[in-house]
Amino acid sequence: MHYITVVSKDKGSIAYFNIPLIIQLLETALVAKSKNYINPAFGHHFMLNNNRQIQLAATYEYMQPLLGKDWPQIQASKVRQSMRDSLRSSWPLMMLSNQ
């Protein structure tokens, strides 16, 4: 995401207008990578962290014209969903470790 935010500051860059597509491809790659974890709780936590980073980058002032005003809300809903999935899948593990 750091590189995407750097590119988004340069309006003359070729990648400037492709940033939404680049972020979509990044999200697809992250979902695929999250499936590599044996424990689903770790995969959900991985997605939670990465979705939060995307959400933070989407709130930058210079990203607003590229992504639109509704993009941060969309990312916030993805973060909430990842949080619910992470909690749902890790709760049984927490119960087992306390016994």
PDB file of N, CA and C in Angstrom:
ATOM      1  N   MET A   1       0.824  -1.189   0.000  1.00  0.00           N
ATOM      2  CA  MET A   1       0.000   0.000   0.000  1.00  0.00           C
ATOM      3  C   MET A   1       0.866   1.250   0.000  1.00  0.00           C
ATOM      4  N   HIS A   2       2.034   1.149   0.577  1.00  0.00           N
ATOM      5  CA  HIS A   2       2.913   2.315   0.610  1.00  0.00           C
ATOM      6  C   HIS A   2       3.229   2.792  -0.803  1.00  0.00           C
ATOM      7  N   TYR A   3       3.559   1.863  -1.682  1.00  0.00           N
ATOM      8  CA  TYR A   3       3.893   2.232  -3.053  1.00  0.00           C
ATOM      9  C   TYR A   3       2.686   2.812  -3.786  1.00  0.00           C
ATOM     10  N   ILE A   4       1.514   2.302  -3.494  1.00  0.00           N
ATOM     11  CA  ILE A   4       0.303   2.823  -4.123  1.00  0.00           C
ATOM     12  C   ILE A   4       0.054   4.257  -3.682  1.00  0.00           C
ATOM     13  N   THR A   5       0.266   4.539  -2.401  1.00  0.00           N
ATOM     14  CA  THR A   5       0.061   5.909  -1.926  1.00  0.00           C
ATOM     15  C   THR A   5       1.099   6.858  -2.522  1.00  0.00           C
ATOM     16  N   VAL A   6       2.320   6.371  -2.715  1.00  0.00           N
ATOM     17  CA  VAL A   6       3.354   7.210  -3.333  1.00  0.00           C
ATOM     18  C   VAL A   6       2.986   7.525  -4.786  1.00  0.00           C
ATOM     19  N   VAL A   7       2.539   6.515  -5.520  1.00  0.00           N
ATOM     20  CA  VAL A   7       2.163   6.711  -6.923  1.00  0.00           C
ATOM     21  C   VAL A   7       0.946   7.626  -7.030  1.00  0.00           C
ATOM     22  N   SER A   8       0.033   7.536  -6.062  1.00  0.00           N
ATOM     23  CA  SER A   8      -1.191   8.341  -6.146  1.00  0.00           C
ATOM     24  C   SER A   8      -0.921   9.827  -5.966  1.00  0.00           C
ATOM     25  N   LYS A   9       0.230  10.192  -5.417  1.00  0.00           N
ATOM     26  CA  LYS A   9       0.575  11.604  -5.268  1.00  0.00           C
ATOM     27  C   LYS A   9       1.033  12.212  -6.594  1.00  0.00           C
ATOM     28  N   ASP A  10       1.478  11.371  -7.526  1.00  0.00           N
ATOM     29  CA  ASP A  10       1.988  11.845  -8.812  1.00  0.00           C
ATOM     30  C   ASP A  10       0.913  11.682  -9.882  1.00  0.00           C
ATOM     31  N   LYS A  11       0.211  12.736 -10.188  1.00  0.00           N
ATOM     32  CA  LYS A  11      -0.897  12.670 -11.141  1.00  0.00           C
ATOM     33  C   LYS A  11      -0.424  12.428 -12.572  1.00  0.00           C
ATOM     34  N   GLY A  12       0.855  12.608 -12.836  1.00  0.00           N
ATOM     35  CA  GLY A  12       1.385  12.377 -14.169  1.00  0.00           C
ATOM     36  C   GLY A  12       1.815  10.941 -14.398  1.00  0.00           C
ATOM     37  N   SER A  13       1.754  10.128 -13.368  1.00  0.00           N
ATOM     38  CA  SER A  13       2.181   8.731 -13.466  1.00  0.00           C
ATOM     39  C   SER A  13       1.188   7.916 -14.287  1.00  0.00           C
ATOM     40  N   ILE A  14       1.701   6.944 -14.991  1.00  0.00           N
ATOM     41  CA  ILE A  14       0.852   6.042 -15.781  1.00  0.00           C
ATOM     42  C   ILE A  14      -0.063   5.237 -14.867  1.00  0.00           C
ATOM     43  N   ALA A  15       0.451   4.847 -13.708  1.00  0.00           N
ATOM     44  CA  ALA A  15      -0.320   4.021 -12.780  1.00  0.00           C
ATOM     45  C   ALA A  15      -1.378   4.813 -12.023  1.00  0.00           C
ATOM     46  N   TYR A  16      -1.339   6.129 -12.106  1.00  0.00           N
ATOM     47  CA  TYR A  16      -2.246   6.984 -11.327  1.00  0.00           C
ATOM     48  C   TYR A  16      -3.716   6.614 -11.547  1.00  0.00           C
ATOM     49  N   PHE A  17      -4.123   6.439 -12.783  1.00  0.00           N
ATOM     50  CA  PHE A  17      -5.525   6.161 -13.076  1.00  0.00           C
ATOM     51  C   PHE A  17      -5.886   4.696 -12.897  1.00  0.00           C
ATOM     52  N   ASN A  18      -4.899   3.844 -12.722  1.00  0.00           N
ATOM     53  CA  ASN A  18      -5.146   2.416 -12.531  1.00  0.00           C
ATOM     54  C   ASN A  18      -5.126   2.000 -11.067  1.00  0.00           C
ATOM     55  N   ILE A  19      -5.043   2.944 -10.168  1.00  0.00           N
ATOM     56  CA  ILE A  19      -4.920   2.609  -8.744  1.00  0.00           C
ATOM     57  C   ILE A  19      -6.104   1.777  -8.232  1.00  0.00           C
ATOM     58  N   PRO A  20      -7.362   2.097  -8.560  1.00  0.00           N
ATOM     59  CA  PRO A  20      -8.448   1.221  -8.094  1.00  0.00           C
ATOM     60  C   PRO A  20      -8.289  -0.225  -8.569  1.00  0.00           C
ATOM     61  N   LEU A  21      -7.859  -0.403  -9.802  1.00  0.00           N
ATOM     62  CA  LEU A  21      -7.633  -1.749 -10.329  1.00  0.00           C
ATOM     63  C   LEU A  21      -6.471  -2.421  -9.603  1.00  0.00           C
ATOM     64  N   ILE A  22      -5.420  -1.668  -9.335  1.00  0.00           N
ATOM     65  CA  ILE A  22      -4.256  -2.214  -8.626  1.00  0.00           C
ATOM     66  C   ILE A  22      -4.659  -2.662  -7.221  1.00  0.00           C
ATOM     67  N   ILE A  23      -5.467  -1.867  -6.544  1.00  0.00           N
ATOM     68  CA  ILE A  23      -5.919  -2.231  -5.195  1.00  0.00           C
ATOM     69  C   ILE A  23      -6.805  -3.471  -5.250  1.00  0.00           C
ATOM     70  N   GLN A  24      -7.651  -3.558  -6.263  1.00  0.00           N
ATOM     71  CA  GLN A  24      -8.503  -4.738  -6.416  1.00  0.00           C
ATOM     72  C   GLN A  24      -7.652  -5.996  -6.631  1.00  0.00           C
ATOM     73  N   LEU A  25      -6.618  -5.886  -7.457  1.00  0.00           N
ATOM     74  CA  LEU A  25      -5.716  -7.022  -7.670  1.00  0.00           C
ATOM     75  C   LEU A  25      -4.971  -7.381  -6.386  1.00  0.00           C
ATOM     76  N   LEU A  26      -4.569  -6.373  -5.633  1.00  0.00           N
ATOM     77  CA  LEU A  26      -3.912  -6.607  -4.347  1.00  0.00           C
ATOM     78  C   LEU A  26      -4.834  -7.358  -3.404  1.00  0.00           C
ATOM     79  N   GLU A  27      -6.100  -6.941  -3.324  1.00  0.00           N
ATOM     80  CA  GLU A  27      -7.055  -7.620  -2.453  1.00  0.00           C
ATOM     81  C   GLU A  27      -7.255  -9.072  -2.870  1.00  0.00           C
ATOM     82  N   THR A  28      -7.308  -9.317  -4.168  1.00  0.00           N
ATOM     83  CA  THR A  28      -7.461 -10.686  -4.669  1.00  0.00           C
ATOM     84  C   THR A  28      -6.256 -11.538  -4.271  1.00  0.00           C
ATOM     85  N   ALA A  29      -5.069 -10.972  -4.400  1.00  0.00           N
ATOM     86  CA  ALA A  29      -3.857 -11.701  -4.010  1.00  0.00           C
ATOM     87  C   ALA A  29      -3.836 -11.951  -2.510  1.00  0.00           C
ATOM     88  N   LEU A  30      -4.293 -10.995  -1.722  1.00  0.00           N
ATOM     89  CA  LEU A  30      -4.316 -11.172  -0.271  1.00  0.00           C
ATOM     90  C   LEU A  30      -5.296 -12.259   0.144  1.00  0.00           C
ATOM     91  N   VAL A  31      -6.454 -12.308  -0.500  1.00  0.00           N
ATOM     92  CA  VAL A  31      -7.429 -13.363  -0.194  1.00  0.00           C
ATOM     93  C   VAL A  31      -6.826 -14.733  -0.510  1.00  0.00           C
ATOM     94  N   ALA A  32      -6.153 -14.838  -1.638  1.00  0.00           N
ATOM     95  CA  ALA A  32      -5.517 -16.107  -2.001  1.00  0.00           C
ATOM     96  C   ALA A  32      -4.433 -16.475  -1.002  1.00  0.00           C
ATOM     97  N   LYS A  33      -3.679 -15.485  -0.555  1.00  0.00           N
ATOM     98  CA  LYS A  33      -2.615 -15.745   0.416  1.00  0.00           C
ATOM     99  C   LYS A  33      -3.177 -16.144   1.775  1.00  0.00           C
ATOM    100  N   SER A  34      -4.317 -15.595   2.129  1.00  0.00           N
ATOM    101  CA  SER A  34      -4.919 -15.921   3.429  1.00  0.00           C
ATOM    102  C   SER A  34      -5.382 -17.372   3.492  1.00  0.00           C
ATOM    103  N   LYS A  35      -5.634 -17.963   2.345  1.00  0.00           N
ATOM    104  CA  LYS A  35      -6.070 -19.369   2.290  1.00  0.00           C
ATOM    105  C   LYS A  35      -4.917 -20.334   2.560  1.00  0.00           C
ATOM    106  N   ASN A  36      -3.677 -19.851   2.535  1.00  0.00           N
ATOM    107  CA  ASN A  36      -2.520 -20.710   2.755  1.00  0.00           C
ATOM    108  C   ASN A  36      -2.327 -21.083   4.217  1.00  0.00           C
ATOM    109  N   TYR A  37      -2.968 -20.363   5.132  1.00  0.00           N
ATOM    110  CA  TYR A  37      -2.828 -20.664   6.544  1.00  0.00           C
ATOM    111  C   TYR A  37      -3.604 -21.939   6.885  1.00  0.00           C
ATOM    112  N   ILE A  38      -2.982 -22.804   7.665  1.00  0.00           N
ATOM    113  CA  ILE A  38      -3.637 -24.036   8.083  1.00  0.00           C
ATOM    114  C   ILE A  38      -4.794 -23.727   9.017  1.00  0.00           C
ATOM    115  N   ASN A  39      -4.560 -22.802   9.947  1.00  0.00           N
ATOM    116  CA  ASN A  39      -5.591 -22.399  10.892  1.00  0.00           C
ATOM    117  C   ASN A  39      -6.368 -21.227  10.282  1.00  0.00           C
ATOM    118  N   PRO A  40      -7.669 -21.378  10.085  1.00  0.00           N
ATOM    119  CA  PRO A  40      -8.455 -20.299   9.483  1.00  0.00           C
ATOM    120  C   PRO A  40      -8.422 -18.998  10.291  1.00  0.00           C
ATOM    121  N   ALA A  41      -8.246 -19.088  11.600  1.00  0.00           N
ATOM    122  CA  ALA A  41      -8.194 -17.879  12.432  1.00  0.00           C
ATOM    123  C   ALA A  41      -7.023 -16.989  12.013  1.00  0.00           C
ATOM    124  N   PHE A  42      -5.905 -17.586  11.683  1.00  0.00           N
ATOM    125  CA  PHE A  42      -4.749 -16.808  11.238  1.00  0.00           C
ATOM    126  C   PHE A  42      -5.012 -16.145   9.890  1.00  0.00           C
ATOM    127  N   GLY A  43      -5.684 -16.851   9.001  1.00  0.00           N
ATOM    128  CA  GLY A  43      -6.032 -16.285   7.708  1.00  0.00           C
ATOM    129  C   GLY A  43      -6.968 -15.097   7.853  1.00  0.00           C
ATOM    130  N   HIS A  44      -7.940 -15.206   8.752  1.00  0.00           N
ATOM    131  CA  HIS A  44      -8.860 -14.089   8.982  1.00  0.00           C
ATOM    132  C   HIS A  44      -8.134 -12.909   9.622  1.00  0.00           C
ATOM    133  N   HIS A  45      -7.223 -13.200  10.522  1.00  0.00           N
ATOM    134  CA  HIS A  45      -6.451 -12.133  11.154  1.00  0.00           C
ATOM    135  C   HIS A  45      -5.541 -11.448  10.119  1.00  0.00           C
ATOM    136  N   PHE A  46      -4.970 -12.222   9.231  1.00  0.00           N
ATOM    137  CA  PHE A  46      -4.161 -11.694   8.141  1.00  0.00           C
ATOM    138  C   PHE A  46      -4.980 -10.718   7.291  1.00  0.00           C
ATOM    139  N   MET A  47      -6.199 -11.120   6.949  1.00  0.00           N
ATOM    140  CA  MET A  47      -7.066 -10.262   6.152  1.00  0.00           C
ATOM    141  C   MET A  47      -7.491  -9.024   6.932  1.00  0.00           C
ATOM    142  N   LEU A  48      -7.717  -9.183   8.220  1.00  0.00           N
ATOM    143  CA  LEU A  48      -8.079  -8.037   9.056  1.00  0.00           C
ATOM    144  C   LEU A  48      -6.982  -6.982   9.015  1.00  0.00           C
ATOM    145  N   ASN A  49      -5.751  -7.393   9.212  1.00  0.00           N
ATOM    146  CA  ASN A  49      -4.632  -6.452   9.190  1.00  0.00           C
ATOM    147  C   ASN A  49      -4.479  -5.777   7.830  1.00  0.00           C
ATOM    148  N   ASN A  50      -4.558  -6.546   6.774  1.00  0.00           N
ATOM    149  CA  ASN A  50      -4.360  -5.985   5.442  1.00  0.00           C
ATOM    150  C   ASN A  50      -5.525  -5.108   5.007  1.00  0.00           C
ATOM    151  N   ASN A  51      -6.755  -5.502   5.333  1.00  0.00           N
ATOM    152  CA  ASN A  51      -7.896  -4.654   5.006  1.00  0.00           C
ATOM    153  C   ASN A  51      -7.830  -3.339   5.767  1.00  0.00           C
ATOM    154  N   ARG A  52      -7.330  -3.383   6.986  1.00  0.00           N
ATOM    155  CA  ARG A  52      -7.185  -2.150   7.768  1.00  0.00           C
ATOM    156  C   ARG A  52      -6.149  -1.224   7.128  1.00  0.00           C
ATOM    157  N   GLN A  53      -5.064  -1.774   6.624  1.00  0.00           N
ATOM    158  CA  GLN A  53      -4.057  -0.956   5.949  1.00  0.00           C
ATOM    159  C   GLN A  53      -4.631  -0.306   4.685  1.00  0.00           C
ATOM    160  N   ILE A  54      -5.418  -1.053   3.939  1.00  0.00           N
ATOM    161  CA  ILE A  54      -6.051  -0.508   2.739  1.00  0.00           C
ATOM    162  C   ILE A  54      -7.038   0.584   3.136  1.00  0.00           C
ATOM    163  N   GLN A  55      -7.779   0.359   4.208  1.00  0.00           N
ATOM    164  CA  GLN A  55      -8.730   1.356   4.683  1.00  0.00           C
ATOM    165  C   GLN A  55      -8.016   2.653   5.069  1.00  0.00           C
ATOM    166  N   LEU A  56      -6.922   2.543   5.787  1.00  0.00           N
ATOM    167  CA  LEU A  56      -6.177   3.738   6.185  1.00  0.00           C
ATOM    168  C   LEU A  56      -5.647   4.495   4.979  1.00  0.00           C
ATOM    169  N   ALA A  57      -5.137   3.777   4.000  1.00  0.00           N
ATOM    170  CA  ALA A  57      -4.612   4.429   2.797  1.00  0.00           C
ATOM    171  C   ALA A  57      -5.730   5.118   2.015  1.00  0.00           C
ATOM    172  N   ALA A  58      -6.927   4.544   2.045  1.00  0.00           N
ATOM    173  CA  ALA A  58      -8.047   5.124   1.304  1.00  0.00           C
ATOM    174  C   ALA A  58      -8.540   6.426   1.921  1.00  0.00           C
ATOM    175  N   THR A  59      -8.191   6.691   3.163  1.00  0.00           N
ATOM    176  CA  THR A  59      -8.656   7.913   3.815  1.00  0.00           C
ATOM    177  C   THR A  59      -7.745   9.102   3.531  1.00  0.00           C
ATOM    178  N   TYR A  60      -6.598   8.874   2.910  1.00  0.00           N
ATOM    179  CA  TYR A  60      -5.712   9.991   2.592  1.00  0.00           C
ATOM    180  C   TYR A  60      -6.399  10.939   1.620  1.00  0.00           C
ATOM    181  N   GLU A  61      -6.153  12.206   1.812  1.00  0.00           N
ATOM    182  CA  GLU A  61      -6.802  13.255   1.029  1.00  0.00           C
ATOM    183  C   GLU A  61      -6.574  13.100  -0.474  1.00  0.00           C
ATOM    184  N   TYR A  62      -5.358  12.756  -0.857  1.00  0.00           N
ATOM    185  CA  TYR A  62      -5.034  12.663  -2.279  1.00  0.00           C
ATOM    186  C   TYR A  62      -5.565  11.388  -2.922  1.00  0.00           C
ATOM    187  N   MET A  63      -6.065  10.455  -2.127  1.00  0.00           N
ATOM    188  CA  MET A  63      -6.648   9.229  -2.680  1.00  0.00           C
ATOM    189  C   MET A  63      -8.138   9.405  -2.969  1.00  0.00           C
ATOM    190  N   GLN A  64      -8.776  10.381  -2.347  1.00  0.00           N
ATOM    191  CA  GLN A  64     -10.216  10.592  -2.509  1.00  0.00           C
ATOM    192  C   GLN A  64     -10.644  10.767  -3.971  1.00  0.00           C
ATOM    193  N   PRO A  65      -9.958  11.609  -4.761  1.00  0.00           N
ATOM    194  CA  PRO A  65     -10.405  11.762  -6.162  1.00  0.00           C
ATOM    195  C   PRO A  65     -10.293  10.472  -6.970  1.00  0.00           C
ATOM    196  N   LEU A  66      -9.343   9.628  -6.630  1.00  0.00           N
ATOM    197  CA  LEU A  66      -9.150   8.380  -7.370  1.00  0.00           C
ATOM    198  C   LEU A  66     -10.159   7.314  -7.000  1.00  0.00           C
ATOM    199  N   LEU A  67     -10.405   7.200  -5.706  1.00  0.00           N
ATOM    200  CA  LEU A  67     -11.209   6.089  -5.212  1.00  0.00           C
ATOM    201  C   LEU A  67     -12.669   6.436  -5.001  1.00  0.00           C
ATOM    202  N   GLY A  68     -12.972   7.694  -4.808  1.00  0.00           N
ATOM    203  CA  GLY A  68     -14.350   8.101  -4.563  1.00  0.00           C
ATOM    204  C   GLY A  68     -14.625   8.217  -3.074  1.00  0.00           C
ATOM    205  N   LYS A  69     -15.716   8.869  -2.757  1.00  0.00           N
ATOM    206  CA  LYS A  69     -16.042   9.121  -1.353  1.00  0.00           C
ATOM    207  C   LYS A  69     -16.547   7.892  -0.623  1.00  0.00           C
ATOM    208  N   ASP A  70     -17.102   6.934  -1.355  1.00  0.00           N
ATOM    209  CA  ASP A  70     -17.651   5.746  -0.690  1.00  0.00           C
ATOM    210  C   ASP A  70     -16.612   4.656  -0.439  1.00  0.00           C
ATOM    211  N   TRP A  71     -15.419   4.803  -1.001  1.00  0.00           N
ATOM    212  CA  TRP A  71     -14.382   3.783  -0.849  1.00  0.00           C
ATOM    213  C   TRP A  71     -14.011   3.535   0.618  1.00  0.00           C
ATOM    214  N   PRO A  72     -13.791   4.563   1.456  1.00  0.00           N
ATOM    215  CA  PRO A  72     -13.466   4.295   2.864  1.00  0.00           C
ATOM    216  C   PRO A  72     -14.569   3.523   3.596  1.00  0.00           C
ATOM    217  N   GLN A  73     -15.836   3.792   3.262  1.00  0.00           N
ATOM    218  CA  GLN A  73     -16.926   3.055   3.898  1.00  0.00           C
ATOM    219  C   GLN A  73     -16.944   1.593   3.461  1.00  0.00           C
ATOM    220  N   ILE A  74     -16.645   1.371   2.202  1.00  0.00           N
ATOM    221  CA  ILE A  74     -16.579  -0.010   1.698  1.00  0.00           C
ATOM    222  C   ILE A  74     -15.457  -0.761   2.416  1.00  0.00           C
ATOM    223  N   GLN A  75     -14.306  -0.106   2.542  1.00  0.00           N
ATOM    224  CA  GLN A  75     -13.178  -0.738   3.231  1.00  0.00           C
ATOM    225  C   GLN A  75     -13.487  -0.953   4.708  1.00  0.00           C
ATOM    226  N   ALA A  76     -14.194  -0.005   5.324  1.00  0.00           N
ATOM    227  CA  ALA A  76     -14.558  -0.159   6.738  1.00  0.00           C
ATOM    228  C   ALA A  76     -15.465  -1.372   6.926  1.00  0.00           C
ATOM    229  N   SER A  77     -16.374  -1.604   5.988  1.00  0.00           N
ATOM    230  CA  SER A  77     -17.236  -2.784   6.106  1.00  0.00           C
ATOM    231  C   SER A  77     -16.432  -4.071   5.924  1.00  0.00           C
ATOM    232  N   LYS A  78     -15.412  -4.034   5.058  1.00  0.00           N
ATOM    233  CA  LYS A  78     -14.547  -5.211   4.899  1.00  0.00           C
ATOM    234  C   LYS A  78     -13.749  -5.473   6.173  1.00  0.00           C
ATOM    235  N   VAL A  79     -13.296  -4.401   6.820  1.00  0.00           N
ATOM    236  CA  VAL A  79     -12.555  -4.550   8.075  1.00  0.00           C
ATOM    237  C   VAL A  79     -13.467  -5.147   9.144  1.00  0.00           C
ATOM    238  N   ARG A  80     -14.702  -4.646   9.240  1.00  0.00           N
ATOM    239  CA  ARG A  80     -15.641  -5.188  10.230  1.00  0.00           C
ATOM    240  C   ARG A  80     -15.933  -6.656   9.965  1.00  0.00           C
ATOM    241  N   GLN A  81     -16.114  -7.010   8.692  1.00  0.00           N
ATOM    242  CA  GLN A  81     -16.369  -8.408   8.353  1.00  0.00           C
ATOM    243  C   GLN A  81     -15.165  -9.279   8.702  1.00  0.00           C
ATOM    244  N   SER A  82     -13.967  -8.804   8.414  1.00  0.00           N
ATOM    245  CA  SER A  82     -12.760  -9.563   8.763  1.00  0.00           C
ATOM    246  C   SER A  82     -12.634  -9.718  10.271  1.00  0.00           C
ATOM    247  N   MET A  83     -13.021  -8.675  11.012  1.00  0.00           N
ATOM    248  CA  MET A  83     -12.962  -8.746  12.464  1.00  0.00           C
ATOM    249  C   MET A  83     -13.949  -9.784  12.990  1.00  0.00           C
ATOM    250  N   ARG A  84     -15.162  -9.781  12.443  1.00  0.00           N
ATOM    251  CA  ARG A  84     -16.148 -10.785  12.862  1.00  0.00           C
ATOM    252  C   ARG A  84     -15.662 -12.190  12.536  1.00  0.00           C
ATOM    253  N   ASP A  85     -15.129 -12.379  11.332  1.00  0.00           N
ATOM    254  CA  ASP A  85     -14.628 -13.702  10.938  1.00  0.00           C
ATOM    255  C   ASP A  85     -13.472 -14.138  11.837  1.00  0.00           C
ATOM    256  N   SER A  86     -12.581 -13.209  12.144  1.00  0.00           N
ATOM    257  CA  SER A  86     -11.433 -13.517  12.992  1.00  0.00           C
ATOM    258  C   SER A  86     -11.883 -13.919  14.392  1.00  0.00           C
ATOM    259  N   LEU A  87     -12.792 -13.151  14.955  1.00  0.00           N
ATOM    260  CA  LEU A  87     -13.297 -13.480  16.294  1.00  0.00           C
ATOM    261  C   LEU A  87     -14.063 -14.796  16.301  1.00  0.00           C
ATOM    262  N   ARG A  88     -14.871 -15.005  15.287  1.00  0.00           N
ATOM    263  CA  ARG A  88     -15.668 -16.232  15.210  1.00  0.00           C
ATOM    264  C   ARG A  88     -14.779 -17.473  15.103  1.00  0.00           C
ATOM    265  N   SER A  89     -13.706 -17.364  14.349  1.00  0.00           N
ATOM    266  CA  SER A  89     -12.856 -18.541  14.150  1.00  0.00           C
ATOM    267  C   SER A  89     -11.840 -18.723  15.274  1.00  0.00           C
ATOM    268  N   SER A  90     -11.516 -17.658  16.001  1.00  0.00           N
ATOM    269  CA  SER A  90     -10.526 -17.810  17.072  1.00  0.00           C
ATOM    270  C   SER A  90     -11.161 -18.058  18.428  1.00  0.00           C
ATOM    271  N   TRP A  91     -12.435 -17.790  18.590  1.00  0.00           N
ATOM    272  CA  TRP A  91     -13.087 -17.975  19.882  1.00  0.00           C
ATOM    273  C   TRP A  91     -12.959 -19.411  20.398  1.00  0.00           C
ATOM    274  N   PRO A  92     -13.220 -20.452  19.595  1.00  0.00           N
ATOM    275  CA  PRO A  92     -13.036 -21.818  20.104  1.00  0.00           C
ATOM    276  C   PRO A  92     -11.590 -22.092  20.538  1.00  0.00           C
ATOM    277  N   LEU A  93     -10.633 -21.511  19.834  1.00  0.00           N
ATOM    278  CA  LEU A  93      -9.230 -21.726  20.208  1.00  0.00           C
ATOM    279  C   LEU A  93      -8.937 -21.102  21.567  1.00  0.00           C
ATOM    280  N   MET A  94      -9.508 -19.942  21.826  1.00  0.00           N
ATOM    281  CA  MET A  94      -9.292 -19.279  23.110  1.00  0.00           C
ATOM    282  C   MET A  94      -9.906 -20.094  24.233  1.00  0.00           C
ATOM    283  N   MET A  95     -11.053 -20.683  23.970  1.00  0.00           N
ATOM    284  CA  MET A  95     -11.717 -21.498  24.995  1.00  0.00           C
ATOM    285  C   MET A  95     -10.890 -22.743  25.301  1.00  0.00           C
ATOM    286  N   LEU A  96     -10.293 -23.346  24.297  1.00  0.00           N
ATOM    287  CA  LEU A  96      -9.476 -24.540  24.507  1.00  0.00           C
ATOM    288  C   LEU A  96      -8.195 -24.216  25.271  1.00  0.00           C
ATOM    289  N   SER A  97      -7.604 -23.056  25.030  1.00  0.00           N
ATOM    290  CA  SER A  97      -6.346 -22.715  25.690  1.00  0.00           C
ATOM    291  C   SER A  97      -6.549 -22.365  27.153  1.00  0.00           C
ATOM    292  N   ASN A  98      -7.753 -21.989  27.554  1.00  0.00           N
ATOM    293  CA  ASN A  98      -8.039 -21.647  28.939  1.00  0.00           C
ATOM    294  C   ASN A  98      -8.312 -22.872  29.796  1.00  0.00           C
ATOM    295  N   GLN A  99      -8.524 -24.014  29.197  1.00  0.00           N
ATOM    296  CA  GLN A  99      -8.879 -25.214  29.973  1.00  0.00           C
ATOM    297  C   GLN A  99      -7.649 -25.947  30.436  1.00  0.00           C
TER     298      GLN A  99
END
